[in-house]
N, C-alpha and C. Protein backbone atom coordinates (compact mmCIF):
# COMPACT_ATOMS: atom_id res chain seq x y z
N MET A 1 172.42 255.37 -67.35
CA MET A 1 171.32 255.89 -68.06
C MET A 1 170.90 254.78 -68.90
N ALA A 2 169.46 254.18 -69.08
CA ALA A 2 169.15 253.23 -69.96
C ALA A 2 169.22 253.30 -71.12
N LYS A 3 169.68 252.14 -71.89
CA LYS A 3 169.62 252.04 -73.32
C LYS A 3 168.51 252.50 -73.92
N LYS A 4 168.08 253.29 -75.08
CA LYS A 4 167.41 253.74 -75.48
C LYS A 4 166.94 252.93 -76.87
N ARG A 5 165.96 251.95 -77.16
CA ARG A 5 165.85 251.03 -78.22
C ARG A 5 165.08 251.87 -79.23
N VAL A 6 165.13 251.69 -80.57
CA VAL A 6 164.42 252.10 -81.55
C VAL A 6 164.10 250.90 -82.67
N ASN A 7 162.90 250.73 -83.02
CA ASN A 7 162.41 249.82 -83.95
C ASN A 7 162.19 250.53 -85.23
N ILE A 8 162.77 249.79 -86.44
CA ILE A 8 162.72 250.54 -87.59
C ILE A 8 162.26 249.51 -88.60
N THR A 9 161.82 249.63 -89.64
CA THR A 9 161.62 248.65 -90.87
C THR A 9 162.32 249.42 -92.17
N ILE A 10 163.28 248.56 -92.80
CA ILE A 10 164.01 248.81 -93.65
C ILE A 10 163.71 247.77 -94.91
N THR A 11 163.15 248.17 -95.94
CA THR A 11 163.20 247.49 -97.35
C THR A 11 164.58 246.92 -97.74
N GLU A 12 164.24 246.10 -98.49
CA GLU A 12 165.55 245.27 -98.94
C GLU A 12 166.00 246.42 -99.99
N GLU A 13 165.44 246.88 -100.58
CA GLU A 13 166.29 247.91 -101.48
C GLU A 13 167.04 248.95 -100.64
N THR A 14 166.42 249.45 -99.22
CA THR A 14 167.16 250.37 -98.50
C THR A 14 168.33 249.63 -98.10
N GLN A 15 168.08 248.59 -97.73
CA GLN A 15 169.20 247.68 -97.00
C GLN A 15 170.47 247.75 -98.04
N GLU A 16 170.19 247.20 -99.35
CA GLU A 16 171.11 247.35 -100.32
C GLU A 16 171.83 248.82 -100.16
N ARG A 17 171.24 249.75 -100.40
CA ARG A 17 171.61 251.23 -100.60
C ARG A 17 172.72 251.43 -99.20
N ILE A 18 172.11 251.15 -98.09
CA ILE A 18 173.10 251.26 -96.86
C ILE A 18 174.06 250.44 -96.91
N LEU A 19 174.04 249.17 -97.62
CA LEU A 19 175.27 248.44 -97.57
C LEU A 19 176.35 248.93 -98.62
N GLN A 20 175.90 249.30 -99.65
CA GLN A 20 176.70 250.04 -100.76
C GLN A 20 177.24 251.46 -100.14
N TYR A 21 176.57 251.95 -99.48
CA TYR A 21 177.05 253.42 -98.51
C TYR A 21 178.41 252.69 -97.81
N ALA A 22 177.88 251.64 -97.07
CA ALA A 22 179.16 251.31 -96.16
C ALA A 22 180.40 250.92 -96.63
N LYS A 23 180.23 250.30 -97.86
CA LYS A 23 181.35 249.58 -98.59
C LYS A 23 182.12 251.13 -99.20
N GLU A 24 181.36 252.11 -99.74
CA GLU A 24 181.97 253.28 -100.38
C GLU A 24 182.84 254.00 -99.26
N ASN A 25 182.23 253.97 -97.80
CA ASN A 25 182.66 254.50 -97.00
C ASN A 25 183.64 253.87 -96.05
N HIS A 26 184.11 252.48 -96.43
CA HIS A 26 184.79 251.64 -95.65
C HIS A 26 184.45 251.32 -94.29
N LEU A 27 183.04 251.07 -94.17
CA LEU A 27 182.68 251.10 -92.98
C LEU A 27 182.71 249.42 -92.34
N GLN A 28 182.68 249.27 -91.38
CA GLN A 28 182.68 248.02 -90.79
C GLN A 28 181.38 247.49 -90.02
N GLY A 29 181.06 246.35 -89.98
CA GLY A 29 179.91 245.71 -89.40
C GLY A 29 178.79 245.68 -90.01
N GLY A 30 178.85 245.44 -91.56
CA GLY A 30 177.68 245.08 -92.28
C GLY A 30 176.65 245.99 -91.89
N LEU A 31 175.35 245.73 -92.49
CA LEU A 31 174.18 246.81 -91.98
C LEU A 31 174.01 247.17 -90.86
N SER A 32 174.31 246.42 -89.79
CA SER A 32 173.86 247.16 -88.50
C SER A 32 175.18 248.16 -88.20
N GLY A 33 176.20 247.80 -88.50
CA GLY A 33 177.64 248.86 -88.43
C GLY A 33 177.06 250.27 -89.36
N ALA A 34 176.60 250.08 -90.58
CA ALA A 34 176.27 251.14 -91.23
C ALA A 34 175.09 251.98 -90.63
N ILE A 35 174.15 251.48 -90.43
CA ILE A 35 172.94 252.03 -89.94
C ILE A 35 173.39 252.95 -88.33
N GLU A 36 174.38 252.08 -87.54
CA GLU A 36 175.09 252.89 -86.47
C GLU A 36 175.65 253.90 -87.06
N HIS A 37 176.62 254.00 -87.95
CA HIS A 37 177.14 255.12 -88.43
C HIS A 37 176.32 256.14 -88.83
N ILE A 38 175.35 255.95 -89.46
CA ILE A 38 174.51 256.97 -90.20
C ILE A 38 173.84 257.39 -88.78
N ALA A 39 173.38 256.75 -87.81
CA ALA A 39 172.79 257.35 -86.73
C ALA A 39 173.71 258.64 -85.89
N TRP A 40 174.93 258.13 -86.04
CA TRP A 40 175.79 258.82 -85.32
C TRP A 40 176.09 260.24 -86.17
N GLN A 41 176.30 259.97 -87.41
CA GLN A 41 176.87 261.07 -88.41
C GLN A 41 175.41 262.08 -88.67
N VAL A 42 174.23 261.50 -89.17
CA VAL A 42 173.44 262.28 -89.52
C VAL A 42 172.17 262.67 -88.34
N LEU A 43 171.95 261.69 -87.41
CA LEU A 43 170.64 261.97 -86.56
C LEU A 43 171.54 262.51 -85.06
N LYS A 44 172.78 262.64 -85.02
CA LYS A 44 173.66 262.88 -83.96
C LYS A 44 173.12 262.52 -82.50
N VAL A 45 173.00 261.13 -82.55
CA VAL A 45 172.52 260.36 -81.36
C VAL A 45 173.14 260.74 -80.26
N LYS A 46 172.75 261.15 -79.36
CA LYS A 46 173.41 261.53 -78.25
C LYS A 46 173.40 260.37 -77.07
N ASN A 47 174.62 260.22 -76.31
CA ASN A 47 174.85 259.39 -75.33
C ASN A 47 174.90 257.86 -75.51
N ALA A 48 174.98 257.44 -76.91
CA ALA A 48 175.24 256.27 -77.20
C ALA A 48 176.69 255.70 -77.11
N GLN A 49 176.89 254.68 -76.98
CA GLN A 49 178.40 254.21 -76.87
C GLN A 49 178.85 253.81 -78.45
N SER A 50 179.89 254.17 -78.66
CA SER A 50 180.89 254.29 -79.93
C SER A 50 181.07 252.67 -80.36
N LYS A 51 181.24 251.86 -79.60
CA LYS A 51 181.47 250.77 -79.72
C LYS A 51 180.83 249.57 -80.21
N GLY A 52 179.50 250.02 -80.69
CA GLY A 52 178.44 248.88 -81.21
C GLY A 52 177.45 248.51 -80.06
N GLN A 53 177.18 249.41 -78.95
CA GLN A 53 176.51 248.71 -77.90
C GLN A 53 175.07 249.36 -77.70
N THR A 54 174.59 249.99 -78.84
CA THR A 54 173.20 250.27 -78.96
C THR A 54 172.56 249.05 -79.56
N SER A 55 171.26 248.95 -79.20
CA SER A 55 170.84 248.01 -79.87
C SER A 55 169.48 248.44 -80.70
N ILE A 56 169.48 247.81 -81.87
CA ILE A 56 168.72 248.43 -82.78
C ILE A 56 167.76 247.25 -83.39
N LYS A 57 166.66 247.24 -83.21
CA LYS A 57 165.91 246.30 -83.95
C LYS A 57 165.45 246.45 -85.41
N VAL A 58 165.94 245.55 -86.31
CA VAL A 58 165.91 245.78 -87.96
C VAL A 58 164.74 244.75 -87.96
N ASP A 59 163.41 245.42 -89.01
CA ASP A 59 162.59 244.44 -89.28
C ASP A 59 161.97 243.27 -88.06
N ASN A 60 161.83 243.94 -86.82
CA ASN A 60 161.36 243.15 -85.82
C ASN A 60 162.56 242.09 -85.17
N LYS A 61 163.70 242.16 -85.74
CA LYS A 61 164.65 241.19 -85.43
C LYS A 61 165.63 242.02 -84.40
N TRP A 62 166.52 241.29 -83.65
CA TRP A 62 167.69 241.96 -83.00
C TRP A 62 168.63 242.41 -83.77
N HIS A 63 169.42 243.26 -83.06
CA HIS A 63 170.73 243.88 -83.70
C HIS A 63 171.88 242.42 -83.66
N THR A 64 172.01 242.16 -85.02
CA THR A 64 173.01 241.29 -85.23
C THR A 64 174.47 241.62 -85.53
N VAL A 65 175.56 241.17 -84.68
CA VAL A 65 176.99 241.87 -85.16
C VAL A 65 177.62 240.67 -85.88
N ILE A 66 177.85 240.90 -86.89
CA ILE A 66 178.42 240.15 -88.26
C ILE A 66 179.94 240.78 -88.68
N LYS A 67 180.83 239.83 -88.28
CA LYS A 67 182.11 240.53 -88.84
C LYS A 67 182.85 239.43 -89.64
N GLY A 68 183.69 239.87 -90.57
CA GLY A 68 184.61 239.18 -91.21
C GLY A 68 183.83 238.55 -92.62
N THR A 69 182.68 239.32 -93.01
CA THR A 69 182.35 238.56 -94.28
C THR A 69 182.84 239.48 -95.39
N LYS A 70 183.06 239.06 -96.68
CA LYS A 70 183.43 239.74 -97.76
C LYS A 70 182.56 240.02 -98.71
N THR A 71 181.25 239.37 -98.91
CA THR A 71 180.60 239.79 -99.85
C THR A 71 179.19 239.88 -99.21
N ILE A 72 178.31 240.41 -100.08
CA ILE A 72 176.97 240.80 -99.22
C ILE A 72 175.96 239.47 -99.34
N ASP A 73 176.32 238.30 -100.35
CA ASP A 73 175.64 237.02 -99.94
C ASP A 73 176.28 236.29 -98.93
N GLU A 74 177.67 236.53 -98.50
CA GLU A 74 178.28 235.79 -97.41
C GLU A 74 177.61 236.36 -96.19
N TYR A 75 177.56 237.88 -95.96
CA TYR A 75 176.90 238.61 -94.95
C TYR A 75 175.27 238.00 -94.86
N ARG A 76 174.66 237.85 -95.54
CA ARG A 76 173.09 237.50 -95.57
C ARG A 76 173.00 235.97 -95.03
N GLU A 77 174.11 235.19 -95.69
CA GLU A 77 174.14 233.80 -95.46
C GLU A 77 174.59 233.50 -93.81
N LYS A 78 175.53 234.29 -93.37
CA LYS A 78 175.74 234.41 -92.10
C LYS A 78 174.63 235.03 -91.08
N GLN A 79 173.90 235.90 -91.53
CA GLN A 79 172.95 236.71 -90.91
C GLN A 79 171.82 235.69 -90.65
N ARG A 80 171.57 234.90 -91.62
CA ARG A 80 170.38 234.06 -91.74
C ARG A 80 170.64 232.83 -90.69
N PHE A 81 171.56 232.43 -90.72
CA PHE A 81 172.28 231.31 -89.82
C PHE A 81 172.09 231.71 -88.47
N MET A 82 172.93 232.85 -87.92
CA MET A 82 172.84 233.56 -86.83
C MET A 82 171.32 233.75 -86.07
N GLU A 83 170.34 234.25 -86.98
CA GLU A 83 169.09 234.41 -86.58
C GLU A 83 168.49 233.29 -86.51
N GLN A 84 168.74 231.99 -87.23
CA GLN A 84 167.89 231.13 -87.09
C GLN A 84 168.06 230.25 -85.89
N LYS A 85 169.61 230.08 -85.61
CA LYS A 85 170.10 229.76 -84.31
C LYS A 85 169.90 230.36 -83.18
N ALA A 86 169.71 231.60 -83.15
CA ALA A 86 169.47 232.41 -82.05
C ALA A 86 168.35 232.42 -81.83
N ALA A 87 166.91 232.17 -82.56
CA ALA A 87 165.76 231.85 -82.23
C ALA A 87 165.64 230.60 -81.71
N GLU A 88 166.31 229.49 -82.38
CA GLU A 88 166.13 228.41 -81.73
C GLU A 88 166.79 228.24 -80.16
N PHE A 89 167.65 228.86 -80.25
CA PHE A 89 168.42 228.62 -78.69
C PHE A 89 167.55 229.54 -77.95
N TYR A 90 167.13 230.74 -78.16
CA TYR A 90 166.18 231.53 -77.53
C TYR A 90 165.06 230.80 -76.79
N ASN A 91 164.22 230.04 -77.86
CA ASN A 91 163.14 229.30 -77.54
C ASN A 91 163.32 228.16 -76.63
N ARG A 92 164.39 227.17 -77.05
CA ARG A 92 164.63 226.32 -76.34
C ARG A 92 164.95 226.64 -74.44
N HIS A 93 165.65 227.87 -74.39
CA HIS A 93 166.04 228.44 -73.01
C HIS A 93 164.93 228.67 -72.29
N LYS A 94 164.01 229.54 -73.24
CA LYS A 94 162.88 230.23 -72.29
C LYS A 94 161.99 229.08 -71.93
N GLU A 95 161.72 228.02 -72.84
CA GLU A 95 160.70 226.96 -72.57
C GLU A 95 161.44 226.14 -71.28
N ALA A 96 162.79 226.09 -71.05
CA ALA A 96 163.15 225.04 -70.11
C ALA A 96 163.33 225.95 -68.75
N VAL A 97 163.02 227.01 -68.69
CA VAL A 97 163.08 228.03 -67.70
C VAL A 97 161.55 228.20 -67.17
N GLU A 98 161.06 228.09 -65.88
CA GLU A 98 159.89 228.01 -65.24
C GLU A 98 159.31 229.47 -65.50
N ASN A 99 159.97 230.52 -65.23
CA ASN A 99 159.66 231.96 -65.04
C ASN A 99 160.64 232.65 -65.75
N TRP A 100 160.53 232.73 -66.95
CA TRP A 100 161.56 233.35 -67.86
C TRP A 100 161.59 234.83 -67.83
N THR A 101 162.60 235.77 -67.02
CA THR A 101 162.64 237.10 -66.67
C THR A 101 163.59 237.75 -67.60
N GLU A 102 164.47 237.11 -68.53
CA GLU A 102 165.35 237.92 -69.45
C GLU A 102 164.48 238.85 -70.25
N GLY A 103 163.37 238.53 -71.01
CA GLY A 103 163.03 239.22 -72.07
C GLY A 103 163.27 238.73 -73.26
N GLU A 104 163.14 239.57 -74.27
CA GLU A 104 163.38 239.26 -75.75
C GLU A 104 164.77 239.47 -76.16
N PRO A 105 165.22 238.81 -77.14
CA PRO A 105 166.62 239.09 -77.57
C PRO A 105 166.67 240.60 -78.14
N VAL A 106 167.84 241.17 -77.87
CA VAL A 106 168.20 242.56 -78.43
C VAL A 106 169.46 242.44 -79.22
N LYS A 107 170.36 241.55 -78.93
CA LYS A 107 171.56 241.73 -79.80
C LYS A 107 172.13 240.02 -79.64
N VAL A 108 172.89 239.88 -80.78
CA VAL A 108 173.28 238.72 -81.19
C VAL A 108 174.70 238.52 -81.71
N TRP A 109 175.58 237.68 -81.63
CA TRP A 109 176.98 237.86 -81.97
C TRP A 109 177.98 236.47 -81.67
N PHE A 110 178.92 236.17 -82.06
CA PHE A 110 179.77 235.35 -81.73
C PHE A 110 180.82 235.63 -81.02
N ASP A 111 180.93 234.95 -79.96
CA ASP A 111 182.24 235.05 -79.10
C ASP A 111 183.62 234.74 -79.48
N MET A 112 185.00 234.98 -78.79
CA MET A 112 186.16 234.60 -79.63
C MET A 112 185.96 233.01 -79.47
N ASP A 113 185.37 232.20 -78.87
CA ASP A 113 185.30 231.02 -79.25
C ASP A 113 184.25 230.21 -80.05
N ASP A 114 183.83 231.27 -81.00
CA ASP A 114 182.73 230.88 -81.84
C ASP A 114 181.21 230.20 -81.28
N ASN A 115 181.06 230.52 -80.12
CA ASN A 115 179.86 230.43 -79.37
C ASN A 115 178.80 231.67 -79.86
N LEU A 116 177.77 231.13 -80.11
CA LEU A 116 176.62 232.49 -80.21
C LEU A 116 176.25 232.92 -78.92
N CYS A 117 176.16 234.18 -79.05
CA CYS A 117 175.60 235.08 -77.58
C CYS A 117 174.47 235.80 -77.92
N ILE A 118 173.63 235.90 -77.03
CA ILE A 118 172.37 236.31 -76.87
C ILE A 118 172.40 237.40 -75.88
N GLU A 119 172.19 238.78 -75.94
CA GLU A 119 171.89 239.68 -74.94
C GLU A 119 170.33 239.97 -74.84
N TYR A 120 169.90 240.00 -73.89
CA TYR A 120 168.32 239.92 -73.71
C TYR A 120 167.86 241.38 -73.34
N ASP A 121 166.52 241.85 -73.07
CA ASP A 121 166.11 242.89 -72.73
C ASP A 121 166.70 243.16 -71.10
N SER A 122 166.67 242.18 -70.51
CA SER A 122 167.12 242.37 -69.07
C SER A 122 168.61 242.92 -68.87
N GLY A 123 169.33 242.98 -70.03
CA GLY A 123 170.91 243.18 -70.20
C GLY A 123 171.79 242.15 -69.76
N ASN A 124 171.30 240.84 -69.44
CA ASN A 124 172.03 239.85 -69.02
C ASN A 124 172.19 239.14 -70.52
N CYS A 125 173.57 238.69 -70.84
CA CYS A 125 173.99 237.65 -71.82
C CYS A 125 173.99 236.44 -71.58
N TRP A 126 173.83 235.45 -72.59
CA TRP A 126 174.17 233.92 -72.47
C TRP A 126 174.75 233.99 -73.57
N HIS A 127 175.65 232.73 -73.45
CA HIS A 127 176.67 232.29 -74.27
C HIS A 127 176.06 230.78 -74.53
N TYR A 128 176.14 230.22 -76.08
CA TYR A 128 175.41 228.93 -76.45
C TYR A 128 176.39 228.08 -77.37
N ASN A 129 176.59 226.99 -77.02
CA ASN A 129 177.61 226.44 -77.84
C ASN A 129 176.75 225.55 -79.12
N GLU A 130 177.21 224.98 -79.93
CA GLU A 130 176.63 224.37 -81.14
C GLU A 130 175.54 223.33 -80.64
N LYS A 131 175.48 222.98 -79.54
CA LYS A 131 174.55 222.02 -79.21
C LYS A 131 173.27 222.73 -78.38
N GLY A 132 173.45 224.18 -78.45
CA GLY A 132 172.44 224.94 -78.00
C GLY A 132 172.47 224.82 -76.13
N GLU A 133 173.68 224.39 -75.65
CA GLU A 133 173.89 224.41 -74.07
C GLU A 133 174.08 225.87 -73.83
N TRP A 134 173.77 226.23 -72.75
CA TRP A 134 174.15 227.52 -72.41
C TRP A 134 174.69 227.78 -71.03
N TRP A 135 175.19 228.95 -70.84
CA TRP A 135 175.92 229.55 -69.76
C TRP A 135 175.86 230.87 -69.56
C-alpha cells in the first residue's frame, strides 16, 4: 500500500502548544513525533506504521526526525540546521543529475554515523556526508 501524504500548515503558536503537549505526555520525537502521536490517538490513522515512517510535510517542509534535544531552542536550532543542509544537498544532488527522478524530499534524519539522510518521493534514501557527497 502506498504512503498517504498530508500537507498541513501549523502556526508557531500551535507548534508551541503541540510541543507542550508532547512534554506533558512524555512523547519522543519533537514536533513531528507529537503530530504523529496525535494522528494515531485522535484521528485514528489507519494502515500507518507506528515507527515514524509516515511522511508529514509541515509548513511545506519535509518530515524532519530530530532526536536527543533537551530544550525547544535546541530542537529548533537542530531543525534549522538539518533543513538548511537538506535543502543545500538536495539542490546540489538534483543539479548534478541530468534527469532527476527522485522527486522532492519527504523525510530527513541523521543516521548512526551522523550523516544526513534524505528520503525522496520515489521512496529512495540517500546519505550525505558533511561535504555533501552522497551515496
